[in-house]
């Protein structure tokens, strides 16, 4: 997963160990921890949206980001459309493990 986020968003790995990886993003430190349900055996991984927290990633261009995500093993669900809220464009996408994350583009 760290490689996916590194290649999609340019985040850098700051430390990694047994079943975890810390990454530096524009917003700060993000740590990915492998859990038992993260070891998915189906392809594509089932969508995992029943969580209390959704990772939100600021991007320069949502169209470019969604193309990059799809090319690197993530998914864009056709039912998920971009929308505008608080003057920003938002779009939910799915990473290779099935986690839903939200892209945010500030401005038009």
C-alpha atoms as a PDB file:
ATOM      1  CA  UNK A   1       0.000   0.000   0.000  1.00  0.00           C
ATOM      2  CA  UNK A   2       2.841   2.401   0.722  1.00  0.00           C
ATOM      3  CA  UNK A   3       4.065   2.045  -2.859  1.00  0.00           C
ATOM      4  CA  UNK A   4       0.552   2.845  -4.159  1.00  0.00           C
ATOM      5  CA  UNK A   5       0.326   6.071  -2.130  1.00  0.00           C
ATOM      6  CA  UNK A   6       3.914   6.977  -2.959  1.00  0.00           C
ATOM      7  CA  UNK A   7       3.298   6.666  -6.689  1.00  0.00           C
ATOM      8  CA  UNK A   8      -0.210   8.207  -6.679  1.00  0.00           C
ATOM      9  CA  UNK A   9       0.422  11.192  -4.432  1.00  0.00           C
ATOM     10  CA  UNK A  10       4.179  11.579  -4.112  1.00  0.00           C
ATOM     11  CA  UNK A  11       4.199  10.746  -0.399  1.00  0.00           C
ATOM     12  CA  UNK A  12       7.548   9.598   0.976  1.00  0.00           C
ATOM     13  CA  UNK A  13       8.239   6.670   3.268  1.00  0.00           C
ATOM     14  CA  UNK A  14       9.740   7.897   6.548  1.00  0.00           C
ATOM     15  CA  UNK A  15       9.871   4.567   8.372  1.00  0.00           C
ATOM     16  CA  UNK A  16       8.638   1.029   7.995  1.00  0.00           C
ATOM     17  CA  UNK A  17       8.690  -2.119  10.028  1.00  0.00           C
ATOM     18  CA  UNK A  18       6.848  -5.348  10.562  1.00  0.00           C
ATOM     19  CA  UNK A  19       3.341  -4.782   9.145  1.00  0.00           C
ATOM     20  CA  UNK A  20       3.426  -0.960   9.152  1.00  0.00           C
ATOM     21  CA  UNK A  21       4.681   1.936   7.053  1.00  0.00           C
ATOM     22  CA  UNK A  22       4.892   5.624   7.987  1.00  0.00           C
ATOM     23  CA  UNK A  23       4.606   8.157   5.176  1.00  0.00           C
ATOM     24  CA  UNK A  24       4.987  11.916   4.941  1.00  0.00           C
ATOM     25  CA  UNK A  25       2.202  13.718   3.094  1.00  0.00           C
ATOM     26  CA  UNK A  26       1.459  17.407   2.579  1.00  0.00           C
ATOM     27  CA  UNK A  27      -0.818  17.210   5.618  1.00  0.00           C
ATOM     28  CA  UNK A  28       1.625  15.404   7.891  1.00  0.00           C
ATOM     29  CA  UNK A  29       2.441  11.845   8.877  1.00  0.00           C
ATOM     30  CA  UNK A  30       0.202   8.975   7.766  1.00  0.00           C
ATOM     31  CA  UNK A  31       0.803   5.471   9.085  1.00  0.00           C
ATOM     32  CA  UNK A  32      -0.524   2.369   7.346  1.00  0.00           C
ATOM     33  CA  UNK A  33      -0.852  -0.715   9.547  1.00  0.00           C
ATOM     34  CA  UNK A  34      -1.587  -4.125   8.104  1.00  0.00           C
ATOM     35  CA  UNK A  35      -4.573  -5.753   9.760  1.00  0.00           C
ATOM     36  CA  UNK A  36      -6.004  -9.228   9.286  1.00  0.00           C
ATOM     37  CA  UNK A  37      -8.804  -7.939   7.050  1.00  0.00           C
ATOM     38  CA  UNK A  38      -6.281  -6.041   4.889  1.00  0.00           C
ATOM     39  CA  UNK A  39      -4.925  -9.318   3.513  1.00  0.00           C
ATOM     40  CA  UNK A  40      -7.535  -9.558   0.790  1.00  0.00           C
ATOM     41  CA  UNK A  41      -7.548 -12.579  -1.460  1.00  0.00           C
ATOM     42  CA  UNK A  42     -10.062 -11.329  -4.022  1.00  0.00           C
ATOM     43  CA  UNK A  43      -9.304  -9.056  -6.932  1.00  0.00           C
ATOM     44  CA  UNK A  44     -10.596  -6.420  -6.878  1.00  0.00           C
ATOM     45  CA  UNK A  45     -10.742  -6.100  -3.097  1.00  0.00           C
ATOM     46  CA  UNK A  46     -14.237  -5.521  -1.724  1.00  0.00           C
ATOM     47  CA  UNK A  47     -15.096  -1.911  -0.962  1.00  0.00           C
ATOM     48  CA  UNK A  48     -14.521  -1.152   2.734  1.00  0.00           C
ATOM     49  CA  UNK A  49     -16.564   1.935   3.537  1.00  0.00           C
ATOM     50  CA  UNK A  50     -18.019   1.029   6.953  1.00  0.00           C
ATOM     51  CA  UNK A  51     -15.320   2.866   8.893  1.00  0.00           C
ATOM     52  CA  UNK A  52     -15.484   5.826  11.236  1.00  0.00           C
ATOM     53  CA  UNK A  53     -12.707   7.711   9.437  1.00  0.00           C
ATOM     54  CA  UNK A  54     -12.131   8.464   5.768  1.00  0.00           C
ATOM     55  CA  UNK A  55      -8.704   9.508   4.515  1.00  0.00           C
ATOM     56  CA  UNK A  56      -8.966  12.780   2.576  1.00  0.00           C
ATOM     57  CA  UNK A  57      -6.155  13.632   0.150  1.00  0.00           C
ATOM     58  CA  UNK A  58      -5.683  17.080  -1.357  1.00  0.00           C
ATOM     59  CA  UNK A  59      -4.701  16.882  -5.028  1.00  0.00           C
ATOM     60  CA  UNK A  60      -3.883  19.512  -7.631  1.00  0.00           C
ATOM     61  CA  UNK A  61      -6.193  17.996 -10.257  1.00  0.00           C
ATOM     62  CA  UNK A  62      -8.886  15.373  -9.565  1.00  0.00           C
ATOM     63  CA  UNK A  63      -9.049  14.170 -13.181  1.00  0.00           C
ATOM     64  CA  UNK A  64      -5.292  13.508 -13.259  1.00  0.00           C
ATOM     65  CA  UNK A  65      -5.414  11.847  -9.827  1.00  0.00           C
ATOM     66  CA  UNK A  66      -8.268   9.483 -10.739  1.00  0.00           C
ATOM     67  CA  UNK A  67      -6.480   8.383 -13.923  1.00  0.00           C
ATOM     68  CA  UNK A  68      -3.308   7.751 -11.925  1.00  0.00           C
ATOM     69  CA  UNK A  69      -5.177   5.824  -9.211  1.00  0.00           C
ATOM     70  CA  UNK A  70      -6.847   3.555 -11.772  1.00  0.00           C
ATOM     71  CA  UNK A  71      -3.529   2.935 -13.527  1.00  0.00           C
ATOM     72  CA  UNK A  72      -1.877   1.927 -10.233  1.00  0.00           C
ATOM     73  CA  UNK A  73      -4.447  -0.637  -9.099  1.00  0.00           C
ATOM     74  CA  UNK A  74      -7.056   1.532  -7.401  1.00  0.00           C
ATOM     75  CA  UNK A  75     -10.653   1.817  -8.582  1.00  0.00           C
ATOM     76  CA  UNK A  76     -13.066   4.543  -9.530  1.00  0.00           C
ATOM     77  CA  UNK A  77     -16.607   3.322  -8.871  1.00  0.00           C
ATOM     78  CA  UNK A  78     -18.887   4.584 -11.672  1.00  0.00           C
ATOM     79  CA  UNK A  79     -21.534   5.345  -9.027  1.00  0.00           C
ATOM     80  CA  UNK A  80     -19.164   7.806  -7.325  1.00  0.00           C
ATOM     81  CA  UNK A  81     -19.317  11.170  -9.035  1.00  0.00           C
ATOM     82  CA  UNK A  82     -17.391  14.326  -8.196  1.00  0.00           C
ATOM     83  CA  UNK A  83     -19.291  16.959  -6.230  1.00  0.00           C
ATOM     84  CA  UNK A  84     -18.677  20.479  -4.970  1.00  0.00           C
ATOM     85  CA  UNK A  85     -18.817  21.306  -1.272  1.00  0.00           C
ATOM     86  CA  UNK A  86     -17.378  24.343   0.588  1.00  0.00           C
ATOM     87  CA  UNK A  87     -15.904  25.664  -2.657  1.00  0.00           C
ATOM     88  CA  UNK A  88     -13.886  22.493  -3.296  1.00  0.00           C
ATOM     89  CA  UNK A  89     -14.351  19.550  -5.649  1.00  0.00           C
ATOM     90  CA  UNK A  90     -14.544  16.129  -3.940  1.00  0.00           C
ATOM     91  CA  UNK A  91     -14.418  12.612  -5.392  1.00  0.00           C
ATOM     92  CA  UNK A  92     -14.393   9.257  -3.582  1.00  0.00           C
ATOM     93  CA  UNK A  93     -12.043   6.577  -4.936  1.00  0.00           C
ATOM     94  CA  UNK A  94     -10.970   3.115  -3.756  1.00  0.00           C
ATOM     95  CA  UNK A  95      -7.390   2.043  -3.058  1.00  0.00           C
ATOM     96  CA  UNK A  96      -6.131  -1.467  -3.955  1.00  0.00           C
ATOM     97  CA  UNK A  97      -7.148  -2.837  -0.512  1.00  0.00           C
ATOM     98  CA  UNK A  98     -10.722  -1.575  -0.907  1.00  0.00           C
ATOM     99  CA  UNK A  99     -10.378   1.448   1.391  1.00  0.00           C
ATOM    100  CA  UNK A 100     -12.460   4.434   0.346  1.00  0.00           C
ATOM    101  CA  UNK A 101     -10.551   7.681   0.285  1.00  0.00           C
ATOM    102  CA  UNK A 102     -11.679  11.106  -0.784  1.00  0.00           C
ATOM    103  CA  UNK A 103      -9.806  13.330  -3.185  1.00  0.00           C
ATOM    104  CA  UNK A 104     -10.194  17.072  -2.694  1.00  0.00           C
ATOM    105  CA  UNK A 105      -9.256  19.710  -5.243  1.00  0.00           C
ATOM    106  CA  UNK A 106      -9.217  23.261  -3.921  1.00  0.00           C
ATOM    107  CA  UNK A 107     -10.610  25.741  -6.415  1.00  0.00           C
ATOM    108  CA  UNK A 108     -11.937  25.015  -9.909  1.00  0.00           C
END
